[in-house]
Amino acid sequence: MPEPENMVLVLLREMRLRMEDRFDRVDQKLAAHDAHFEVLEKKIDDVKKAAFGESLVGRYMAAEVEERLAAIEARLAALEGRS
């Protein structure tokens, strides 16, 4: 006659399988949330860059303004030197 199975071990094995299944689902949800937050962080960074003029167009415009100011300062210095 075979020995009876230990019900505690059977229940523990079932619990372990269920827990592994739940942990897998939690891991999947966390991965999805991480991906979502990465997208949001990229959008926030893009908005910050646009707000602080770090876009290519913003840099170009700032460089042009700097050039104009440098030219005005040079002309002013020349005029002050004549006086």
N, C-alpha and C. Protein backbone atom coordinates (compact mmCIF):
# COMPACT_ATOMS: atom_id res chain seq x y z
N MET A 1 0.84 -1.17 0.00
CA MET A 1 0.00 0.00 0.00
C MET A 1 0.89 1.25 0.00
N PRO A 2 0.63 2.20 -0.93
CA PRO A 2 1.48 3.40 -0.98
C PRO A 2 1.23 4.30 0.21
N GLU A 3 2.27 5.05 0.52
CA GLU A 3 2.14 5.97 1.65
C GLU A 3 1.23 7.13 1.26
N PRO A 4 0.48 7.64 2.21
CA PRO A 4 -0.39 8.79 1.90
C PRO A 4 0.46 10.04 1.65
N GLU A 5 -0.03 10.91 0.80
CA GLU A 5 0.70 12.15 0.50
C GLU A 5 0.57 13.12 1.67
N ASN A 6 1.61 13.86 1.85
CA ASN A 6 1.60 14.89 2.88
C ASN A 6 0.84 16.09 2.32
N MET A 7 -0.32 16.36 2.86
CA MET A 7 -1.19 17.41 2.35
C MET A 7 -0.56 18.80 2.53
N VAL A 8 0.23 18.95 3.57
CA VAL A 8 0.88 20.25 3.79
C VAL A 8 1.81 20.55 2.61
N LEU A 9 2.58 19.56 2.19
CA LEU A 9 3.49 19.77 1.07
C LEU A 9 2.72 20.05 -0.22
N VAL A 10 1.62 19.37 -0.42
CA VAL A 10 0.80 19.59 -1.61
C VAL A 10 0.27 21.03 -1.61
N LEU A 11 -0.24 21.46 -0.46
CA LEU A 11 -0.77 22.83 -0.36
C LEU A 11 0.34 23.87 -0.54
N LEU A 12 1.49 23.62 0.02
CA LEU A 12 2.61 24.55 -0.13
C LEU A 12 3.04 24.66 -1.60
N ARG A 13 3.05 23.55 -2.30
CA ARG A 13 3.40 23.59 -3.73
C ARG A 13 2.38 24.40 -4.52
N GLU A 14 1.10 24.19 -4.22
CA GLU A 14 0.05 24.96 -4.90
C GLU A 14 0.18 26.45 -4.61
N MET A 15 0.46 26.76 -3.35
CA MET A 15 0.63 28.17 -2.97
C MET A 15 1.81 28.79 -3.70
N ARG A 16 2.89 28.04 -3.80
CA ARG A 16 4.08 28.56 -4.48
C ARG A 16 3.76 28.85 -5.95
N LEU A 17 3.04 27.96 -6.61
CA LEU A 17 2.67 28.17 -8.01
C LEU A 17 1.79 29.41 -8.18
N ARG A 18 0.83 29.55 -7.29
CA ARG A 18 -0.05 30.73 -7.36
C ARG A 18 0.73 32.01 -7.10
N MET A 19 1.63 31.96 -6.13
CA MET A 19 2.43 33.15 -5.82
C MET A 19 3.33 33.51 -7.00
N GLU A 20 3.93 32.52 -7.63
CA GLU A 20 4.79 32.79 -8.79
C GLU A 20 3.98 33.42 -9.91
N ASP A 21 2.76 32.92 -10.11
CA ASP A 21 1.88 33.49 -11.13
C ASP A 21 1.56 34.95 -10.82
N ARG A 22 1.24 35.22 -9.57
CA ARG A 22 0.93 36.60 -9.16
C ARG A 22 2.16 37.51 -9.31
N PHE A 23 3.32 37.02 -8.90
CA PHE A 23 4.53 37.82 -9.01
C PHE A 23 4.85 38.11 -10.48
N ASP A 24 4.61 37.14 -11.35
CA ASP A 24 4.83 37.37 -12.78
C ASP A 24 3.91 38.48 -13.30
N ARG A 25 2.65 38.45 -12.86
CA ARG A 25 1.71 39.49 -13.29
C ARG A 25 2.10 40.84 -12.73
N VAL A 26 2.55 40.88 -11.49
CA VAL A 26 3.00 42.14 -10.90
C VAL A 26 4.22 42.67 -11.65
N ASP A 27 5.15 41.80 -11.99
CA ASP A 27 6.33 42.20 -12.76
C ASP A 27 5.94 42.79 -14.11
N GLN A 28 4.96 42.17 -14.77
CA GLN A 28 4.50 42.69 -16.06
C GLN A 28 3.88 44.08 -15.91
N LYS A 29 3.06 44.25 -14.86
CA LYS A 29 2.45 45.56 -14.64
C LYS A 29 3.50 46.61 -14.30
N LEU A 30 4.49 46.25 -13.51
CA LEU A 30 5.55 47.20 -13.18
C LEU A 30 6.34 47.59 -14.42
N ALA A 31 6.60 46.63 -15.28
CA ALA A 31 7.31 46.92 -16.53
C ALA A 31 6.49 47.87 -17.40
N ALA A 32 5.18 47.65 -17.45
CA ALA A 32 4.31 48.54 -18.23
C ALA A 32 4.31 49.94 -17.64
N HIS A 33 4.25 50.04 -16.31
CA HIS A 33 4.28 51.35 -15.65
C HIS A 33 5.61 52.04 -15.88
N ASP A 34 6.70 51.30 -15.81
CA ASP A 34 8.02 51.88 -16.05
C ASP A 34 8.10 52.46 -17.46
N ALA A 35 7.59 51.71 -18.44
CA ALA A 35 7.60 52.19 -19.82
C ALA A 35 6.76 53.46 -19.95
N HIS A 36 5.62 53.47 -19.28
CA HIS A 36 4.75 54.64 -19.33
C HIS A 36 5.44 55.86 -18.71
N PHE A 37 6.10 55.66 -17.58
CA PHE A 37 6.79 56.76 -16.92
C PHE A 37 7.97 57.26 -17.75
N GLU A 38 8.64 56.36 -18.46
CA GLU A 38 9.74 56.78 -19.33
C GLU A 38 9.23 57.70 -20.43
N VAL A 39 8.07 57.36 -21.00
CA VAL A 39 7.47 58.20 -22.04
C VAL A 39 7.12 59.56 -21.45
N LEU A 40 6.52 59.57 -20.27
CA LEU A 40 6.15 60.83 -19.64
C LEU A 40 7.38 61.67 -19.30
N GLU A 41 8.43 61.04 -18.80
CA GLU A 41 9.65 61.78 -18.47
C GLU A 41 10.27 62.38 -19.71
N LYS A 42 10.23 61.66 -20.84
CA LYS A 42 10.77 62.20 -22.09
C LYS A 42 9.96 63.41 -22.53
N LYS A 43 8.64 63.32 -22.42
CA LYS A 43 7.80 64.46 -22.79
C LYS A 43 8.08 65.66 -21.90
N ILE A 44 8.25 65.43 -20.61
CA ILE A 44 8.55 66.53 -19.68
C ILE A 44 9.90 67.16 -20.03
N ASP A 45 10.88 66.33 -20.34
CA ASP A 45 12.19 66.86 -20.73
C ASP A 45 12.09 67.69 -22.00
N ASP A 46 11.29 67.24 -22.96
CA ASP A 46 11.11 67.99 -24.20
C ASP A 46 10.46 69.34 -23.93
N VAL A 47 9.47 69.35 -23.04
CA VAL A 47 8.81 70.61 -22.70
C VAL A 47 9.78 71.54 -21.99
N LYS A 48 10.59 71.00 -21.08
CA LYS A 48 11.59 71.82 -20.39
C LYS A 48 12.58 72.42 -21.37
N LYS A 49 13.06 71.59 -22.31
CA LYS A 49 14.00 72.09 -23.31
C LYS A 49 13.39 73.20 -24.14
N ALA A 50 12.14 73.02 -24.53
CA ALA A 50 11.47 74.05 -25.33
C ALA A 50 11.26 75.32 -24.50
N ALA A 51 10.93 75.16 -23.24
CA ALA A 51 10.70 76.32 -22.38
C ALA A 51 11.98 77.10 -22.12
N PHE A 52 13.10 76.43 -22.05
CA PHE A 52 14.36 77.10 -21.77
C PHE A 52 15.16 77.39 -23.04
N GLY A 53 14.55 77.24 -24.18
CA GLY A 53 15.19 77.57 -25.44
C GLY A 53 16.34 76.66 -25.81
N GLU A 54 16.26 75.41 -25.43
CA GLU A 54 17.34 74.49 -25.76
C GLU A 54 17.09 73.73 -27.06
N SER A 55 16.09 74.15 -27.79
CA SER A 55 15.86 73.50 -29.08
C SER A 55 16.85 74.06 -30.09
N LEU A 56 16.96 73.45 -31.20
CA LEU A 56 17.90 73.88 -32.23
C LEU A 56 17.56 75.29 -32.70
N VAL A 57 16.29 75.55 -32.92
CA VAL A 57 15.87 76.88 -33.37
C VAL A 57 16.16 77.91 -32.28
N GLY A 58 15.90 77.55 -31.04
CA GLY A 58 16.17 78.47 -29.93
C GLY A 58 17.64 78.80 -29.83
N ARG A 59 18.49 77.83 -30.00
CA ARG A 59 19.94 78.08 -29.96
C ARG A 59 20.37 78.97 -31.12
N TYR A 60 19.81 78.72 -32.29
CA TYR A 60 20.14 79.52 -33.45
C TYR A 60 19.74 80.97 -33.23
N MET A 61 18.53 81.17 -32.73
CA MET A 61 18.05 82.53 -32.48
C MET A 61 18.88 83.22 -31.42
N ALA A 62 19.24 82.52 -30.36
CA ALA A 62 20.06 83.11 -29.31
C ALA A 62 21.43 83.49 -29.85
N ALA A 63 22.00 82.67 -30.71
CA ALA A 63 23.31 82.98 -31.30
C ALA A 63 23.20 84.22 -32.18
N GLU A 64 22.11 84.33 -32.92
CA GLU A 64 21.92 85.50 -33.78
C GLU A 64 21.79 86.76 -32.94
N VAL A 65 21.05 86.70 -31.86
CA VAL A 65 20.91 87.85 -30.97
C VAL A 65 22.26 88.23 -30.37
N GLU A 66 23.02 87.24 -29.97
CA GLU A 66 24.36 87.51 -29.42
C GLU A 66 25.24 88.20 -30.44
N GLU A 67 25.17 87.76 -31.70
CA GLU A 67 25.97 88.39 -32.75
C GLU A 67 25.55 89.85 -32.94
N ARG A 68 24.26 90.10 -32.95
CA ARG A 68 23.77 91.47 -33.12
C ARG A 68 24.21 92.35 -31.95
N LEU A 69 24.11 91.83 -30.74
CA LEU A 69 24.55 92.60 -29.57
C LEU A 69 26.04 92.89 -29.62
N ALA A 70 26.82 91.91 -30.05
CA ALA A 70 28.27 92.12 -30.15
C ALA A 70 28.57 93.21 -31.17
N ALA A 71 27.84 93.22 -32.29
CA ALA A 71 28.05 94.25 -33.31
C ALA A 71 27.68 95.63 -32.77
N ILE A 72 26.57 95.73 -32.06
CA ILE A 72 26.14 97.00 -31.46
C ILE A 72 27.17 97.47 -30.45
N GLU A 73 27.67 96.56 -29.61
CA GLU A 73 28.67 96.94 -28.62
C GLU A 73 29.96 97.41 -29.30
N ALA A 74 30.33 96.78 -30.40
CA ALA A 74 31.54 97.21 -31.12
C ALA A 74 31.35 98.61 -31.69
N ARG A 75 30.18 98.87 -32.28
CA ARG A 75 29.92 100.21 -32.81
C ARG A 75 29.89 101.25 -31.71
N LEU A 76 29.31 100.92 -30.57
CA LEU A 76 29.26 101.84 -29.43
C LEU A 76 30.65 102.13 -28.91
N ALA A 77 31.47 101.10 -28.82
CA ALA A 77 32.84 101.30 -28.37
C ALA A 77 33.60 102.19 -29.35
N ALA A 78 33.34 102.00 -30.64
CA ALA A 78 33.99 102.86 -31.65
C ALA A 78 33.54 104.30 -31.51
N LEU A 79 32.26 104.50 -31.27
CA LEU A 79 31.73 105.87 -31.10
C LEU A 79 32.28 106.50 -29.83
N GLU A 80 32.38 105.74 -28.76
CA GLU A 80 32.91 106.28 -27.51
C GLU A 80 34.40 106.60 -27.66
N GLY A 81 35.09 105.86 -28.46
CA GLY A 81 36.52 106.09 -28.69
C GLY A 81 36.77 107.36 -29.49
N ARG A 82 35.83 107.77 -30.32
CA ARG A 82 35.97 108.97 -31.12
C ARG A 82 35.78 110.23 -30.28
N SER A 83 34.97 110.12 -29.24
CA SER A 83 34.65 111.32 -28.45
C SER A 83 35.81 111.81 -27.65
